[in-house]
Amino acid sequence: MKVLIPSPLRSYTQNAWVNADGSTLAEVLDDLDRQFPGIRFRMVNEQERTRPHVRFFVRGEPVFELSTPLAASDSLLIVQALSGG
């Protein structure tokens, strides 16, 4: 599936769009981490929860659970909020 990588994480991928495999959000993130070591930890914490500043969208809908099923024809959009003062 096609995955849109947010700007703050493109230092891992060097591209805005990459391909990843998996039948759930967790599997896709694992495949991304296999291809781009360290990227998953920027999106998922040690307790296997998505980090508060990261959002995932599939078919225009937000996805909150890592166990959410995905189809190979889907596109995964990863959005990362930026904050500062």
PDB file of N, CA and C in Angstrom:
ATOM      1  N   MET A   1       0.843  -1.176   0.000  1.00  0.00           N
ATOM      2  CA  MET A   1       0.000   0.000   0.000  1.00  0.00           C
ATOM      3  C   MET A   1       0.887   1.238   0.000  1.00  0.00           C
ATOM      4  N   LYS A   2       0.339   2.318  -0.478  1.00  0.00           N
ATOM      5  CA  LYS A   2       1.055   3.594  -0.458  1.00  0.00           C
ATOM      6  C   LYS A   2       0.884   4.239   0.909  1.00  0.00           C
ATOM      7  N   VAL A   3       1.981   4.809   1.415  1.00  0.00           N
ATOM      8  CA  VAL A   3       1.975   5.449   2.725  1.00  0.00           C
ATOM      9  C   VAL A   3       2.559   6.851   2.579  1.00  0.00           C
ATOM     10  N   LEU A   4       1.800   7.853   3.030  1.00  0.00           N
ATOM     11  CA  LEU A   4       2.280   9.230   3.032  1.00  0.00           C
ATOM     12  C   LEU A   4       3.014   9.477   4.343  1.00  0.00           C
ATOM     13  N   ILE A   5       4.274   9.841   4.238  1.00  0.00           N
ATOM     14  CA  ILE A   5       5.122  10.093   5.400  1.00  0.00           C
ATOM     15  C   ILE A   5       5.113  11.600   5.680  1.00  0.00           C
ATOM     16  N   PRO A   6       4.860  12.002   6.930  1.00  0.00           N
ATOM     17  CA  PRO A   6       4.858  13.430   7.244  1.00  0.00           C
ATOM     18  C   PRO A   6       6.277  14.015   7.165  1.00  0.00           C
ATOM     19  N   SER A   7       6.355  15.287   6.905  1.00  0.00           N
ATOM     20  CA  SER A   7       7.647  15.965   6.744  1.00  0.00           C
ATOM     21  C   SER A   7       8.639  15.682   7.867  1.00  0.00           C
ATOM     22  N   PRO A   8       8.231  15.723   9.156  1.00  0.00           N
ATOM     23  CA  PRO A   8       9.205  15.487  10.223  1.00  0.00           C
ATOM     24  C   PRO A   8       9.834  14.090  10.214  1.00  0.00           C
ATOM     25  N   LEU A   9       9.225  13.123   9.517  1.00  0.00           N
ATOM     26  CA  LEU A   9       9.764  11.766   9.481  1.00  0.00           C
ATOM     27  C   LEU A   9      10.424  11.413   8.149  1.00  0.00           C
ATOM     28  N   ARG A  10      10.470  12.353   7.250  1.00  0.00           N
ATOM     29  CA  ARG A  10      11.048  12.061   5.933  1.00  0.00           C
ATOM     30  C   ARG A  10      12.562  11.895   5.960  1.00  0.00           C
ATOM     31  N   SER A  11      13.189  12.258   7.069  1.00  0.00           N
ATOM     32  CA  SER A  11      14.630  11.996   7.174  1.00  0.00           C
ATOM     33  C   SER A  11      14.887  10.491   7.198  1.00  0.00           C
ATOM     34  N   TYR A  12      13.892   9.705   7.589  1.00  0.00           N
ATOM     35  CA  TYR A  12      14.008   8.245   7.563  1.00  0.00           C
ATOM     36  C   TYR A  12      13.847   7.688   6.156  1.00  0.00           C
ATOM     37  N   THR A  13      12.893   8.235   5.395  1.00  0.00           N
ATOM     38  CA  THR A  13      12.502   7.641   4.114  1.00  0.00           C
ATOM     39  C   THR A  13      13.076   8.358   2.897  1.00  0.00           C
ATOM     40  N   GLN A  14      13.403   9.614   3.044  1.00  0.00           N
ATOM     41  CA  GLN A  14      13.876  10.460   1.940  1.00  0.00           C
ATOM     42  C   GLN A  14      12.806  10.702   0.880  1.00  0.00           C
ATOM     43  N   ASN A  15      11.569  10.254   1.131  1.00  0.00           N
ATOM     44  CA  ASN A  15      10.466  10.409   0.177  1.00  0.00           C
ATOM     45  C   ASN A  15       9.172  10.691   0.923  1.00  0.00           C
ATOM     46  N   ALA A  16       8.272  11.413   0.258  1.00  0.00           N
ATOM     47  CA  ALA A  16       6.962  11.679   0.847  1.00  0.00           C
ATOM     48  C   ALA A  16       6.085  10.426   0.812  1.00  0.00           C
ATOM     49  N   TRP A  17       6.140   9.679  -0.279  1.00  0.00           N
ATOM     50  CA  TRP A  17       5.341   8.466  -0.437  1.00  0.00           C
ATOM     51  C   TRP A  17       6.257   7.252  -0.491  1.00  0.00           C
ATOM     52  N   VAL A  18       5.904   6.220   0.268  1.00  0.00           N
ATOM     53  CA  VAL A  18       6.633   4.956   0.244  1.00  0.00           C
ATOM     54  C   VAL A  18       5.614   3.828   0.171  1.00  0.00           C
ATOM     55  N   ASN A  19       6.075   2.630  -0.098  1.00  0.00           N
ATOM     56  CA  ASN A  19       5.218   1.449  -0.122  1.00  0.00           C
ATOM     57  C   ASN A  19       5.497   0.589   1.097  1.00  0.00           C
ATOM     58  N   ALA A  20       4.448  -0.006   1.648  1.00  0.00           N
ATOM     59  CA  ALA A  20       4.588  -0.914   2.779  1.00  0.00           C
ATOM     60  C   ALA A  20       3.521  -1.997   2.666  1.00  0.00           C
ATOM     61  N   ASP A  21       3.814  -3.139   3.270  1.00  0.00           N
ATOM     62  CA  ASP A  21       2.896  -4.278   3.249  1.00  0.00           C
ATOM     63  C   ASP A  21       2.368  -4.540   4.646  1.00  0.00           C
ATOM     64  N   GLY A  22       1.168  -5.130   4.707  1.00  0.00           N
ATOM     65  CA  GLY A  22       0.583  -5.535   5.970  1.00  0.00           C
ATOM     66  C   GLY A  22      -0.927  -5.546   5.872  1.00  0.00           C
ATOM     67  N   SER A  23      -1.539  -6.397   6.698  1.00  0.00           N
ATOM     68  CA  SER A  23      -2.999  -6.483   6.680  1.00  0.00           C
ATOM     69  C   SER A  23      -3.641  -5.730   7.840  1.00  0.00           C
ATOM     70  N   THR A  24      -2.813  -5.177   8.731  1.00  0.00           N
ATOM     71  CA  THR A  24      -3.300  -4.319   9.817  1.00  0.00           C
ATOM     72  C   THR A  24      -2.386  -3.106   9.902  1.00  0.00           C
ATOM     73  N   LEU A  25      -2.825  -2.093  10.626  1.00  0.00           N
ATOM     74  CA  LEU A  25      -1.985  -0.920  10.820  1.00  0.00           C
ATOM     75  C   LEU A  25      -0.670  -1.318  11.481  1.00  0.00           C
ATOM     76  N   ALA A  26      -0.707  -2.192  12.476  1.00  0.00           N
ATOM     77  CA  ALA A  26       0.521  -2.628  13.162  1.00  0.00           C
ATOM     78  C   ALA A  26       1.486  -3.286  12.190  1.00  0.00           C
ATOM     79  N   GLU A  27       0.983  -4.139  11.306  1.00  0.00           N
ATOM     80  CA  GLU A  27       1.849  -4.820  10.342  1.00  0.00           C
ATOM     81  C   GLU A  27       2.468  -3.846   9.351  1.00  0.00           C
ATOM     82  N   VAL A  28       1.700  -2.856   8.924  1.00  0.00           N
ATOM     83  CA  VAL A  28       2.243  -1.844   8.012  1.00  0.00           C
ATOM     84  C   VAL A  28       3.343  -1.045   8.712  1.00  0.00           C
ATOM     85  N   LEU A  29       3.102  -0.667   9.958  1.00  0.00           N
ATOM     86  CA  LEU A  29       4.126   0.077  10.703  1.00  0.00           C
ATOM     87  C   LEU A  29       5.365  -0.776  10.936  1.00  0.00           C
ATOM     88  N   ASP A  30       5.181  -2.065  11.174  1.00  0.00           N
ATOM     89  CA  ASP A  30       6.323  -2.974  11.321  1.00  0.00           C
ATOM     90  C   ASP A  30       7.120  -3.054  10.024  1.00  0.00           C
ATOM     91  N   ASP A  31       6.410  -3.114   8.882  1.00  0.00           N
ATOM     92  CA  ASP A  31       7.103  -3.160   7.599  1.00  0.00           C
ATOM     93  C   ASP A  31       7.849  -1.859   7.339  1.00  0.00           C
ATOM     94  N   LEU A  32       7.241  -0.736   7.694  1.00  0.00           N
ATOM     95  CA  LEU A  32       7.947   0.539   7.554  1.00  0.00           C
ATOM     96  C   LEU A  32       9.221   0.539   8.385  1.00  0.00           C
ATOM     97  N   ASP A  33       9.138  -0.007   9.607  1.00  0.00           N
ATOM     98  CA  ASP A  33      10.307  -0.036  10.483  1.00  0.00           C
ATOM     99  C   ASP A  33      11.375  -0.988   9.952  1.00  0.00           C
ATOM    100  N   ARG A  34      10.960  -2.046   9.289  1.00  0.00           N
ATOM    101  CA  ARG A  34      11.930  -2.960   8.673  1.00  0.00           C
ATOM    102  C   ARG A  34      12.692  -2.236   7.562  1.00  0.00           C
ATOM    103  N   GLN A  35      11.965  -1.433   6.782  1.00  0.00           N
ATOM    104  CA  GLN A  35      12.580  -0.705   5.676  1.00  0.00           C
ATOM    105  C   GLN A  35      13.358   0.522   6.142  1.00  0.00           C
ATOM    106  N   PHE A  36      12.827   1.182   7.186  1.00  0.00           N
ATOM    107  CA  PHE A  36      13.386   2.445   7.669  1.00  0.00           C
ATOM    108  C   PHE A  36      13.542   2.355   9.190  1.00  0.00           C
ATOM    109  N   PRO A  37      14.586   1.691   9.660  1.00  0.00           N
ATOM    110  CA  PRO A  37      14.742   1.420  11.096  1.00  0.00           C
ATOM    111  C   PRO A  37      14.605   2.672  11.963  1.00  0.00           C
ATOM    112  N   GLY A  38      13.778   2.529  13.006  1.00  0.00           N
ATOM    113  CA  GLY A  38      13.562   3.607  13.962  1.00  0.00           C
ATOM    114  C   GLY A  38      12.316   4.432  13.734  1.00  0.00           C
ATOM    115  N   ILE A  39      11.709   4.329  12.549  1.00  0.00           N
ATOM    116  CA  ILE A  39      10.563   5.194  12.242  1.00  0.00           C
ATOM    117  C   ILE A  39       9.335   4.836  13.083  1.00  0.00           C
ATOM    118  N   ARG A  40       9.137   3.554  13.371  1.00  0.00           N
ATOM    119  CA  ARG A  40       7.953   3.131  14.134  1.00  0.00           C
ATOM    120  C   ARG A  40       7.939   3.735  15.529  1.00  0.00           C
ATOM    121  N   PHE A  41       9.103   3.796  16.164  1.00  0.00           N
ATOM    122  CA  PHE A  41       9.183   4.332  17.520  1.00  0.00           C
ATOM    123  C   PHE A  41       8.764   5.800  17.578  1.00  0.00           C
ATOM    124  N   ARG A  42       8.867   6.512  16.477  1.00  0.00           N
ATOM    125  CA  ARG A  42       8.430   7.911  16.427  1.00  0.00           C
ATOM    126  C   ARG A  42       6.912   8.028  16.370  1.00  0.00           C
ATOM    127  N   MET A  43       6.228   6.908  16.093  1.00  0.00           N
ATOM    128  CA  MET A  43       4.765   6.920  15.970  1.00  0.00           C
ATOM    129  C   MET A  43       4.062   6.104  17.050  1.00  0.00           C
ATOM    130  N   VAL A  44       4.747   5.096  17.594  1.00  0.00           N
ATOM    131  CA  VAL A  44       4.163   4.184  18.584  1.00  0.00           C
ATOM    132  C   VAL A  44       5.100   4.102  19.778  1.00  0.00           C
ATOM    133  N   ASN A  45       4.535   4.223  20.995  1.00  0.00           N
ATOM    134  CA  ASN A  45       5.380   4.223  22.191  1.00  0.00           C
ATOM    135  C   ASN A  45       5.648   2.806  22.709  1.00  0.00           C
ATOM    136  N   GLU A  46       6.329   2.726  23.851  1.00  0.00           N
ATOM    137  CA  GLU A  46       6.714   1.443  24.437  1.00  0.00           C
ATOM    138  C   GLU A  46       5.506   0.616  24.891  1.00  0.00           C
ATOM    139  N   GLN A  47       4.386   1.253  25.146  1.00  0.00           N
ATOM    140  CA  GLN A  47       3.160   0.568  25.558  1.00  0.00           C
ATOM    141  C   GLN A  47       2.281   0.174  24.362  1.00  0.00           C
ATOM    142  N   GLU A  48       2.845   0.266  23.160  1.00  0.00           N
ATOM    143  CA  GLU A  48       2.122  -0.071  21.934  1.00  0.00           C
ATOM    144  C   GLU A  48       0.899   0.808  21.718  1.00  0.00           C
ATOM    145  N   ARG A  49       1.026   2.072  22.073  1.00  0.00           N
ATOM    146  CA  ARG A  49      -0.025   3.064  21.829  1.00  0.00           C
ATOM    147  C   ARG A  49       0.530   4.112  20.872  1.00  0.00           C
ATOM    148  N   THR A  50      -0.359   4.613  20.022  1.00  0.00           N
ATOM    149  CA  THR A  50       0.090   5.662  19.112  1.00  0.00           C
ATOM    150  C   THR A  50       0.425   6.913  19.914  1.00  0.00           C
ATOM    151  N   ARG A  51       1.451   7.584  19.504  1.00  0.00           N
ATOM    152  CA  ARG A  51       1.863   8.804  20.203  1.00  0.00           C
ATOM    153  C   ARG A  51       0.811   9.887  19.999  1.00  0.00           C
ATOM    154  N   PRO A  52       0.630  10.766  20.994  1.00  0.00           N
ATOM    155  CA  PRO A  52      -0.459  11.761  20.944  1.00  0.00           C
ATOM    156  C   PRO A  52      -0.388  12.722  19.756  1.00  0.00           C
ATOM    157  N   HIS A  53       0.791  12.971  19.231  1.00  0.00           N
ATOM    158  CA  HIS A  53       0.939  13.944  18.152  1.00  0.00           C
ATOM    159  C   HIS A  53       0.864  13.305  16.759  1.00  0.00           C
ATOM    160  N   VAL A  54       0.560  12.010  16.688  1.00  0.00           N
ATOM    161  CA  VAL A  54       0.501  11.294  15.405  1.00  0.00           C
ATOM    162  C   VAL A  54      -0.924  10.809  15.158  1.00  0.00           C
ATOM    163  N   ARG A  55      -1.386  10.988  13.938  1.00  0.00           N
ATOM    164  CA  ARG A  55      -2.708  10.502  13.535  1.00  0.00           C
ATOM    165  C   ARG A  55      -2.554   9.701  12.241  1.00  0.00           C
ATOM    166  N   PHE A  56      -3.383   8.678  12.112  1.00  0.00           N
ATOM    167  CA  PHE A  56      -3.393   7.823  10.928  1.00  0.00           C
ATOM    168  C   PHE A  56      -4.767   7.936  10.271  1.00  0.00           C
ATOM    169  N   PHE A  57      -4.778   8.005   8.944  1.00  0.00           N
ATOM    170  CA  PHE A  57      -6.029   8.098   8.192  1.00  0.00           C
ATOM    171  C   PHE A  57      -6.012   7.072   7.057  1.00  0.00           C
ATOM    172  N   VAL A  58      -7.118   6.349   6.937  1.00  0.00           N
ATOM    173  CA  VAL A  58      -7.313   5.381   5.855  1.00  0.00           C
ATOM    174  C   VAL A  58      -8.711   5.611   5.299  1.00  0.00           C
ATOM    175  N   ARG A  59      -8.803   5.696   3.985  1.00  0.00           N
ATOM    176  CA  ARG A  59     -10.096   5.967   3.312  1.00  0.00           C
ATOM    177  C   ARG A  59     -10.752   7.229   3.876  1.00  0.00           C
ATOM    178  N   GLY A  60      -9.947   8.218   4.243  1.00  0.00           N
ATOM    179  CA  GLY A  60     -10.458   9.484   4.747  1.00  0.00           C
ATOM    180  C   GLY A  60     -10.941   9.454   6.183  1.00  0.00           C
ATOM    181  N   GLU A  61     -10.781   8.327   6.840  1.00  0.00           N
ATOM    182  CA  GLU A  61     -11.252   8.179   8.223  1.00  0.00           C
ATOM    183  C   GLU A  61     -10.065   7.985   9.166  1.00  0.00           C
ATOM    184  N   PRO A  62     -10.152   8.559  10.366  1.00  0.00           N
ATOM    185  CA  PRO A  62      -9.069   8.351  11.332  1.00  0.00           C
ATOM    186  C   PRO A  62      -9.039   6.902  11.821  1.00  0.00           C
ATOM    187  N   VAL A  63      -7.843   6.399  12.032  1.00  0.00           N
ATOM    188  CA  VAL A  63      -7.633   5.047  12.545  1.00  0.00           C
ATOM    189  C   VAL A  63      -6.899   5.181  13.868  1.00  0.00           C
ATOM    190  N   PHE A  64      -7.454   4.581  14.924  1.00  0.00           N
ATOM    191  CA  PHE A  64      -6.872   4.718  16.260  1.00  0.00           C
ATOM    192  C   PHE A  64      -6.268   3.429  16.797  1.00  0.00           C
ATOM    193  N   GLU A  65      -6.715   2.288  16.289  1.00  0.00           N
ATOM    194  CA  GLU A  65      -6.267   0.996  16.810  1.00  0.00           C
ATOM    195  C   GLU A  65      -5.236   0.365  15.879  1.00  0.00           C
ATOM    196  N   LEU A  66      -4.150  -0.133  16.456  1.00  0.00           N
ATOM    197  CA  LEU A  66      -3.121  -0.784  15.661  1.00  0.00           C
ATOM    198  C   LEU A  66      -3.633  -2.069  15.009  1.00  0.00           C
ATOM    199  N   SER A  67      -4.693  -2.636  15.556  1.00  0.00           N
ATOM    200  CA  SER A  67      -5.251  -3.879  15.016  1.00  0.00           C
ATOM    201  C   SER A  67      -6.229  -3.644  13.863  1.00  0.00           C
ATOM    202  N   THR A  68      -6.439  -2.395  13.462  1.00  0.00           N
ATOM    203  CA  THR A  68      -7.380  -2.077  12.381  1.00  0.00           C
ATOM    204  C   THR A  68      -6.958  -2.763  11.081  1.00  0.00           C
ATOM    205  N   PRO A  69      -7.870  -3.525  10.461  1.00  0.00           N
ATOM    206  CA  PRO A  69      -7.540  -4.180   9.188  1.00  0.00           C
ATOM    207  C   PRO A  69      -7.387  -3.162   8.063  1.00  0.00           C
ATOM    208  N   LEU A  70      -6.432  -3.424   7.189  1.00  0.00           N
ATOM    209  CA  LEU A  70      -6.197  -2.575   6.021  1.00  0.00           C
ATOM    210  C   LEU A  70      -6.161  -3.455   4.782  1.00  0.00           C
ATOM    211  N   ALA A  71      -6.549  -2.883   3.655  1.00  0.00           N
ATOM    212  CA  ALA A  71      -6.493  -3.593   2.378  1.00  0.00           C
ATOM    213  C   ALA A  71      -5.279  -3.110   1.594  1.00  0.00           C
ATOM    214  N   ALA A  72      -4.746  -3.977   0.764  1.00  0.00           N
ATOM    215  CA  ALA A  72      -3.575  -3.618  -0.041  1.00  0.00           C
ATOM    216  C   ALA A  72      -3.855  -2.422  -0.941  1.00  0.00           C
ATOM    217  N   SER A  73      -5.122  -2.206  -1.294  1.00  0.00           N
ATOM    218  CA  SER A  73      -5.493  -1.091  -2.171  1.00  0.00           C
ATOM    219  C   SER A  73      -5.647   0.233  -1.407  1.00  0.00           C
ATOM    220  N   ASP A  74      -5.599   0.186  -0.076  1.00  0.00           N
ATOM    221  CA  ASP A  74      -5.729   1.404   0.729  1.00  0.00           C
ATOM    222  C   ASP A  74      -4.478   2.274   0.625  1.00  0.00           C
ATOM    223  N   SER A  75      -4.646   3.523   0.966  1.00  0.00           N
ATOM    224  CA  SER A  75      -3.520   4.429   1.177  1.00  0.00           C
ATOM    225  C   SER A  75      -3.557   4.839   2.642  1.00  0.00           C
ATOM    226  N   LEU A  76      -2.412   4.830   3.284  1.00  0.00           N
ATOM    227  CA  LEU A  76      -2.296   5.238   4.674  1.00  0.00           C
ATOM    228  C   LEU A  76      -1.671   6.618   4.722  1.00  0.00           C
ATOM    229  N   LEU A  77      -2.365   7.562   5.344  1.00  0.00           N
ATOM    230  CA  LEU A  77      -1.837   8.908   5.519  1.00  0.00           C
ATOM    231  C   LEU A  77      -1.429   9.056   6.970  1.00  0.00           C
ATOM    232  N   ILE A  78      -0.179   9.405   7.200  1.00  0.00           N
ATOM    233  CA  ILE A  78       0.319   9.641   8.555  1.00  0.00           C
ATOM    234  C   ILE A  78       0.483  11.134   8.714  1.00  0.00           C
ATOM    235  N   VAL A  79      -0.145  11.678   9.744  1.00  0.00           N
ATOM    236  CA  VAL A  79      -0.107  13.118   9.996  1.00  0.00           C
ATOM    237  C   VAL A  79       0.535  13.330  11.358  1.00  0.00           C
ATOM    238  N   GLN A  80       1.497  14.218  11.418  1.00  0.00           N
ATOM    239  CA  GLN A  80       2.183  14.499  12.680  1.00  0.00           C
ATOM    240  C   GLN A  80       2.032  15.969  12.987  1.00  0.00           C
ATOM    241  N   ALA A  81       1.459  16.251  14.155  1.00  0.00           N
ATOM    242  CA  ALA A  81       1.292  17.639  14.590  1.00  0.00           C
ATOM    243  C   ALA A  81       2.635  18.191  15.073  1.00  0.00           C
ATOM    244  N   LEU A  82       2.846  19.444  14.859  1.00  0.00           N
ATOM    245  CA  LEU A  82       4.030  20.120  15.353  1.00  0.00           C
ATOM    246  C   LEU A  82       3.596  21.130  16.397  1.00  0.00           C
ATOM    247  N   SER A  83       4.390  21.283  17.413  1.00  0.00           N
ATOM    248  CA  SER A  83       4.058  22.268  18.441  1.00  0.00           C
ATOM    249  C   SER A  83       5.321  23.026  18.802  1.00  0.00           C
ATOM    250  N   GLY A  84       5.138  24.087  19.450  1.00  0.00           N
ATOM    251  CA  GLY A  84       6.287  24.897  19.860  1.00  0.00           C
ATOM    252  C   GLY A  84       5.809  26.238  20.382  1.00  0.00           C
ATOM    253  N   GLY A  85       6.744  27.041  20.737  1.00  0.00           N
ATOM    254  CA  GLY A  85       6.358  28.303  21.325  1.00  0.00           C
ATOM    255  C   GLY A  85       6.949  29.483  20.648  1.00  0.00           C
TER     256      GLY A  85
END
